[in-house]
């Protein structure tokens, strides 16, 4: 072990000052100035790209209606009729939950009502509950054992898998 002793006020002590406040504030000021420069440079680039895009926009088809509104500023409170007049097909869904309500209600009405499918031919549709009752009462139609399967109109031959009667 060495017998070296450190004298007070000599070289063997600790550093009195690591970093001055002036250097820290200078760094922060330089960081703020650099941030502002980057912000204004990015805005300048976006502004120039927007002007370039406006100047080099392709000509519109003369048959297409001219849309005066900026479609990027979309107000979600617009009525569906206004949306249909502003945006061309296909449009994104605006109300995912309720957009299928109308078609589903039409399907439910058709499934639960009587009506004609083809009136001259006498083809009708009946409520699904009634159709299930009729199937339970009458059973499903069954083809007799010896009957041939329906013929293909294009070839006049029996359909595949059917028995041929001679």
C-alpha atoms as a PDB file:
ATOM      1  CA  UNK A   1       0.000   0.000   0.000  1.00  0.00           C
ATOM      2  CA  UNK A   2       1.205   3.423  -0.773  1.00  0.00           C
ATOM      3  CA  UNK A   3       1.483   6.113   1.756  1.00  0.00           C
ATOM      4  CA  UNK A   4       0.407   8.843  -0.564  1.00  0.00           C
ATOM      5  CA  UNK A   5      -1.618  11.591   1.039  1.00  0.00           C
ATOM      6  CA  UNK A   6      -3.641  14.186  -0.800  1.00  0.00           C
ATOM      7  CA  UNK A   7      -3.115  17.729   0.282  1.00  0.00           C
ATOM      8  CA  UNK A   8      -6.203  19.940   0.492  1.00  0.00           C
ATOM      9  CA  UNK A   9      -6.346  22.358  -2.415  1.00  0.00           C
ATOM     10  CA  UNK A  10      -4.002  20.194  -4.482  1.00  0.00           C
ATOM     11  CA  UNK A  11      -4.579  18.088  -7.610  1.00  0.00           C
ATOM     12  CA  UNK A  12      -5.988  15.040  -5.836  1.00  0.00           C
ATOM     13  CA  UNK A  13      -9.458  16.529  -4.964  1.00  0.00           C
ATOM     14  CA  UNK A  14     -12.682  16.586  -6.911  1.00  0.00           C
ATOM     15  CA  UNK A  15     -13.663  18.772  -9.810  1.00  0.00           C
ATOM     16  CA  UNK A  16     -15.277  21.946  -8.651  1.00  0.00           C
ATOM     17  CA  UNK A  17     -17.482  22.500 -11.725  1.00  0.00           C
ATOM     18  CA  UNK A  18     -18.627  19.792 -14.173  1.00  0.00           C
ATOM     19  CA  UNK A  19     -20.667  21.853 -16.596  1.00  0.00           C
ATOM     20  CA  UNK A  20     -21.664  25.446 -16.394  1.00  0.00           C
ATOM     21  CA  UNK A  21     -25.251  26.715 -16.655  1.00  0.00           C
ATOM     22  CA  UNK A  22     -24.222  28.851 -19.637  1.00  0.00           C
ATOM     23  CA  UNK A  23     -23.393  25.733 -21.710  1.00  0.00           C
ATOM     24  CA  UNK A  24     -26.714  24.038 -20.824  1.00  0.00           C
ATOM     25  CA  UNK A  25     -28.772  27.109 -21.756  1.00  0.00           C
ATOM     26  CA  UNK A  26     -26.773  27.511 -24.968  1.00  0.00           C
ATOM     27  CA  UNK A  27     -27.516  23.898 -25.926  1.00  0.00           C
ATOM     28  CA  UNK A  28     -31.246  24.306 -25.190  1.00  0.00           C
ATOM     29  CA  UNK A  29     -31.382  27.530 -27.200  1.00  0.00           C
ATOM     30  CA  UNK A  30     -29.631  25.852 -30.129  1.00  0.00           C
ATOM     31  CA  UNK A  31     -32.094  22.942 -29.887  1.00  0.00           C
ATOM     32  CA  UNK A  32     -35.106  25.297 -30.021  1.00  0.00           C
ATOM     33  CA  UNK A  33     -33.660  27.217 -32.979  1.00  0.00           C
ATOM     34  CA  UNK A  34     -32.935  23.967 -34.836  1.00  0.00           C
ATOM     35  CA  UNK A  35     -36.477  22.710 -34.120  1.00  0.00           C
ATOM     36  CA  UNK A  36     -37.971  25.923 -35.513  1.00  0.00           C
ATOM     37  CA  UNK A  37     -35.794  25.686 -38.629  1.00  0.00           C
ATOM     38  CA  UNK A  38     -36.909  22.103 -39.251  1.00  0.00           C
ATOM     39  CA  UNK A  39     -40.564  23.081 -38.698  1.00  0.00           C
ATOM     40  CA  UNK A  40     -40.453  25.966 -41.178  1.00  0.00           C
ATOM     41  CA  UNK A  41     -38.456  23.929 -43.710  1.00  0.00           C
ATOM     42  CA  UNK A  42     -41.020  21.083 -43.579  1.00  0.00           C
ATOM     43  CA  UNK A  43     -43.913  23.546 -43.953  1.00  0.00           C
ATOM     44  CA  UNK A  44     -42.160  25.137 -46.917  1.00  0.00           C
ATOM     45  CA  UNK A  45     -41.721  21.744 -48.588  1.00  0.00           C
ATOM     46  CA  UNK A  46     -45.390  20.828 -48.056  1.00  0.00           C
ATOM     47  CA  UNK A  47     -46.535  24.239 -49.307  1.00  0.00           C
ATOM     48  CA  UNK A  48     -44.424  23.948 -52.467  1.00  0.00           C
ATOM     49  CA  UNK A  49     -45.670  20.385 -53.106  1.00  0.00           C
ATOM     50  CA  UNK A  50     -49.283  21.541 -52.721  1.00  0.00           C
ATOM     51  CA  UNK A  51     -48.716  24.373 -55.229  1.00  0.00           C
ATOM     52  CA  UNK A  52     -47.028  21.946 -57.641  1.00  0.00           C
ATOM     53  CA  UNK A  53     -49.939  19.517 -57.295  1.00  0.00           C
ATOM     54  CA  UNK A  54     -52.488  22.272 -58.007  1.00  0.00           C
ATOM     55  CA  UNK A  55     -50.554  23.455 -61.061  1.00  0.00           C
ATOM     56  CA  UNK A  56     -50.076  19.975 -62.560  1.00  0.00           C
ATOM     57  CA  UNK A  57     -53.500  18.506 -61.780  1.00  0.00           C
ATOM     58  CA  UNK A  58     -54.851  16.489 -64.737  1.00  0.00           C
ATOM     59  CA  UNK A  59     -57.764  17.854 -66.717  1.00  0.00           C
ATOM     60  CA  UNK A  60     -61.143  16.698 -65.563  1.00  0.00           C
ATOM     61  CA  UNK A  61     -63.490  14.761 -67.788  1.00  0.00           C
ATOM     62  CA  UNK A  62     -66.007  17.286 -69.193  1.00  0.00           C
ATOM     63  CA  UNK A  63     -68.847  14.823 -68.645  1.00  0.00           C
ATOM     64  CA  UNK A  64     -68.131  14.499 -64.922  1.00  0.00           C
ATOM     65  CA  UNK A  65     -69.782  16.978 -62.596  1.00  0.00           C
ATOM     66  CA  UNK A  66     -67.407  19.464 -61.065  1.00  0.00           C
ATOM     67  CA  UNK A  67     -67.127  19.067 -57.295  1.00  0.00           C
ATOM     68  CA  UNK A  68     -66.665  22.496 -55.751  1.00  0.00           C
ATOM     69  CA  UNK A  69     -66.001  21.335 -52.208  1.00  0.00           C
ATOM     70  CA  UNK A  70     -62.690  20.092 -50.909  1.00  0.00           C
ATOM     71  CA  UNK A  71     -63.331  16.424 -50.184  1.00  0.00           C
ATOM     72  CA  UNK A  72     -60.537  16.309 -47.609  1.00  0.00           C
ATOM     73  CA  UNK A  73     -62.627  18.494 -45.274  1.00  0.00           C
ATOM     74  CA  UNK A  74     -65.354  15.962 -44.524  1.00  0.00           C
ATOM     75  CA  UNK A  75     -68.098  16.882 -42.098  1.00  0.00           C
ATOM     76  CA  UNK A  76     -69.518  13.724 -40.518  1.00  0.00           C
ATOM     77  CA  UNK A  77     -72.804  15.474 -39.796  1.00  0.00           C
ATOM     78  CA  UNK A  78     -73.713  15.671 -43.505  1.00  0.00           C
ATOM     79  CA  UNK A  79     -76.923  14.054 -44.624  1.00  0.00           C
ATOM     80  CA  UNK A  80     -76.631  10.862 -46.714  1.00  0.00           C
ATOM     81  CA  UNK A  81     -78.142  12.573 -49.758  1.00  0.00           C
ATOM     82  CA  UNK A  82     -75.458  15.259 -49.655  1.00  0.00           C
ATOM     83  CA  UNK A  83     -72.723  12.649 -49.312  1.00  0.00           C
ATOM     84  CA  UNK A  84     -74.053  10.794 -52.356  1.00  0.00           C
ATOM     85  CA  UNK A  85     -74.025  13.987 -54.406  1.00  0.00           C
ATOM     86  CA  UNK A  86     -70.489  14.991 -53.362  1.00  0.00           C
ATOM     87  CA  UNK A  87     -68.656  11.649 -53.505  1.00  0.00           C
ATOM     88  CA  UNK A  88     -68.666   9.340 -56.493  1.00  0.00           C
ATOM     89  CA  UNK A  89     -69.127   5.578 -56.274  1.00  0.00           C
ATOM     90  CA  UNK A  90     -67.823   3.513 -54.549  1.00  0.00           C
ATOM     91  CA  UNK A  91     -68.025   5.327 -51.233  1.00  0.00           C
ATOM     92  CA  UNK A  92     -66.658   4.227 -47.892  1.00  0.00           C
ATOM     93  CA  UNK A  93     -69.154   3.274 -45.235  1.00  0.00           C
ATOM     94  CA  UNK A  94     -70.211   6.218 -43.102  1.00  0.00           C
ATOM     95  CA  UNK A  95     -72.499   4.424 -40.654  1.00  0.00           C
ATOM     96  CA  UNK A  96     -71.415   0.782 -40.486  1.00  0.00           C
ATOM     97  CA  UNK A  97     -74.002  -0.351 -37.945  1.00  0.00           C
ATOM     98  CA  UNK A  98     -77.078   1.176 -39.547  1.00  0.00           C
ATOM     99  CA  UNK A  99     -76.307   0.912 -43.265  1.00  0.00           C
ATOM    100  CA  UNK A 100     -77.540  -2.672 -43.445  1.00  0.00           C
ATOM    101  CA  UNK A 101     -80.740  -1.937 -41.525  1.00  0.00           C
ATOM    102  CA  UNK A 102     -82.832  -1.158 -44.616  1.00  0.00           C
ATOM    103  CA  UNK A 103     -81.799  -4.258 -46.657  1.00  0.00           C
ATOM    104  CA  UNK A 104     -82.251  -6.469 -43.590  1.00  0.00           C
ATOM    105  CA  UNK A 105     -85.728  -5.043 -42.970  1.00  0.00           C
ATOM    106  CA  UNK A 106     -86.695  -5.753 -46.619  1.00  0.00           C
ATOM    107  CA  UNK A 107     -85.431  -9.340 -46.251  1.00  0.00           C
ATOM    108  CA  UNK A 108     -87.353  -9.797 -42.997  1.00  0.00           C
ATOM    109  CA  UNK A 109     -90.503  -8.411 -44.620  1.00  0.00           C
ATOM    110  CA  UNK A 110     -90.134 -10.804 -47.560  1.00  0.00           C
ATOM    111  CA  UNK A 111     -89.456 -13.774 -45.268  1.00  0.00           C
ATOM    112  CA  UNK A 112     -92.558 -13.019 -43.185  1.00  0.00           C
ATOM    113  CA  UNK A 113     -95.110 -12.017 -45.840  1.00  0.00           C
ATOM    114  CA  UNK A 114     -97.062 -13.346 -48.802  1.00  0.00           C
ATOM    115  CA  UNK A 115     -96.456 -12.052 -52.316  1.00  0.00           C
ATOM    116  CA  UNK A 116     -95.901 -12.862 -55.957  1.00  0.00           C
ATOM    117  CA  UNK A 117     -92.490 -13.752 -57.342  1.00  0.00           C
ATOM    118  CA  UNK A 118     -93.839 -14.210 -60.888  1.00  0.00           C
ATOM    119  CA  UNK A 119     -97.549 -13.395 -61.136  1.00  0.00           C
ATOM    120  CA  UNK A 120     -98.186 -14.628 -64.722  1.00  0.00           C
ATOM    121  CA  UNK A 121     -96.585 -17.981 -63.883  1.00  0.00           C
ATOM    122  CA  UNK A 122     -98.414 -18.159 -60.550  1.00  0.00           C
ATOM    123  CA  UNK A 123     -95.225 -18.338 -58.457  1.00  0.00           C
ATOM    124  CA  UNK A 124     -95.619 -16.916 -54.964  1.00  0.00           C
ATOM    125  CA  UNK A 125     -93.580 -16.658 -51.800  1.00  0.00           C
ATOM    126  CA  UNK A 126     -95.001 -17.432 -48.377  1.00  0.00           C
ATOM    127  CA  UNK A 127     -93.777 -16.671 -44.852  1.00  0.00           C
ATOM    128  CA  UNK A 128     -90.984 -18.944 -43.742  1.00  0.00           C
ATOM    129  CA  UNK A 129     -92.884 -20.105 -40.649  1.00  0.00           C
ATOM    130  CA  UNK A 130     -95.820 -21.222 -42.807  1.00  0.00           C
ATOM    131  CA  UNK A 131     -93.447 -22.969 -45.243  1.00  0.00           C
ATOM    132  CA  UNK A 132     -91.899 -24.937 -42.384  1.00  0.00           C
ATOM    133  CA  UNK A 133     -95.376 -25.943 -41.142  1.00  0.00           C
ATOM    134  CA  UNK A 134     -96.321 -27.167 -44.621  1.00  0.00           C
ATOM    135  CA  UNK A 135     -93.136 -29.233 -44.881  1.00  0.00           C
ATOM    136  CA  UNK A 136     -93.883 -30.842 -41.503  1.00  0.00           C
ATOM    137  CA  UNK A 137     -97.489 -31.587 -42.550  1.00  0.00           C
ATOM    138  CA  UNK A 138     -96.852 -32.754 -46.117  1.00  0.00           C
ATOM    139  CA  UNK A 139     -93.204 -33.822 -46.041  1.00  0.00           C
ATOM    140  CA  UNK A 140     -90.591 -33.098 -48.680  1.00  0.00           C
ATOM    141  CA  UNK A 141     -91.344 -34.073 -52.275  1.00  0.00           C
ATOM    142  CA  UNK A 142     -89.719 -37.393 -53.180  1.00  0.00           C
ATOM    143  CA  UNK A 143     -88.921 -38.692 -56.653  1.00  0.00           C
ATOM    144  CA  UNK A 144     -90.152 -42.228 -57.377  1.00  0.00           C
ATOM    145  CA  UNK A 145     -87.473 -44.934 -57.563  1.00  0.00           C
ATOM    146  CA  UNK A 146     -87.712 -45.718 -61.280  1.00  0.00           C
ATOM    147  CA  UNK A 147     -87.919 -42.112 -62.503  1.00  0.00           C
ATOM    148  CA  UNK A 148     -84.971 -40.722 -64.446  1.00  0.00           C
ATOM    149  CA  UNK A 149     -83.244 -37.595 -63.304  1.00  0.00           C
ATOM    150  CA  UNK A 150     -84.079 -34.366 -65.151  1.00  0.00           C
ATOM    151  CA  UNK A 151     -82.557 -34.050 -68.612  1.00  0.00           C
ATOM    152  CA  UNK A 152     -79.982 -31.445 -69.472  1.00  0.00           C
ATOM    153  CA  UNK A 153     -81.682 -29.145 -72.039  1.00  0.00           C
ATOM    154  CA  UNK A 154     -78.445 -28.506 -73.953  1.00  0.00           C
ATOM    155  CA  UNK A 155     -77.516 -32.162 -74.532  1.00  0.00           C
ATOM    156  CA  UNK A 156     -80.836 -33.977 -74.118  1.00  0.00           C
ATOM    157  CA  UNK A 157     -79.092 -36.568 -71.914  1.00  0.00           C
ATOM    158  CA  UNK A 158     -79.828 -37.419 -68.326  1.00  0.00           C
ATOM    159  CA  UNK A 159     -77.907 -35.386 -65.741  1.00  0.00           C
ATOM    160  CA  UNK A 160     -74.889 -37.013 -64.107  1.00  0.00           C
ATOM    161  CA  UNK A 161     -75.696 -39.539 -61.427  1.00  0.00           C
ATOM    162  CA  UNK A 162     -79.232 -40.215 -62.633  1.00  0.00           C
ATOM    163  CA  UNK A 163     -80.575 -43.616 -63.615  1.00  0.00           C
ATOM    164  CA  UNK A 164     -81.376 -44.052 -67.297  1.00  0.00           C
ATOM    165  CA  UNK A 165     -84.772 -45.607 -68.088  1.00  0.00           C
ATOM    166  CA  UNK A 166     -85.152 -47.758 -71.256  1.00  0.00           C
END
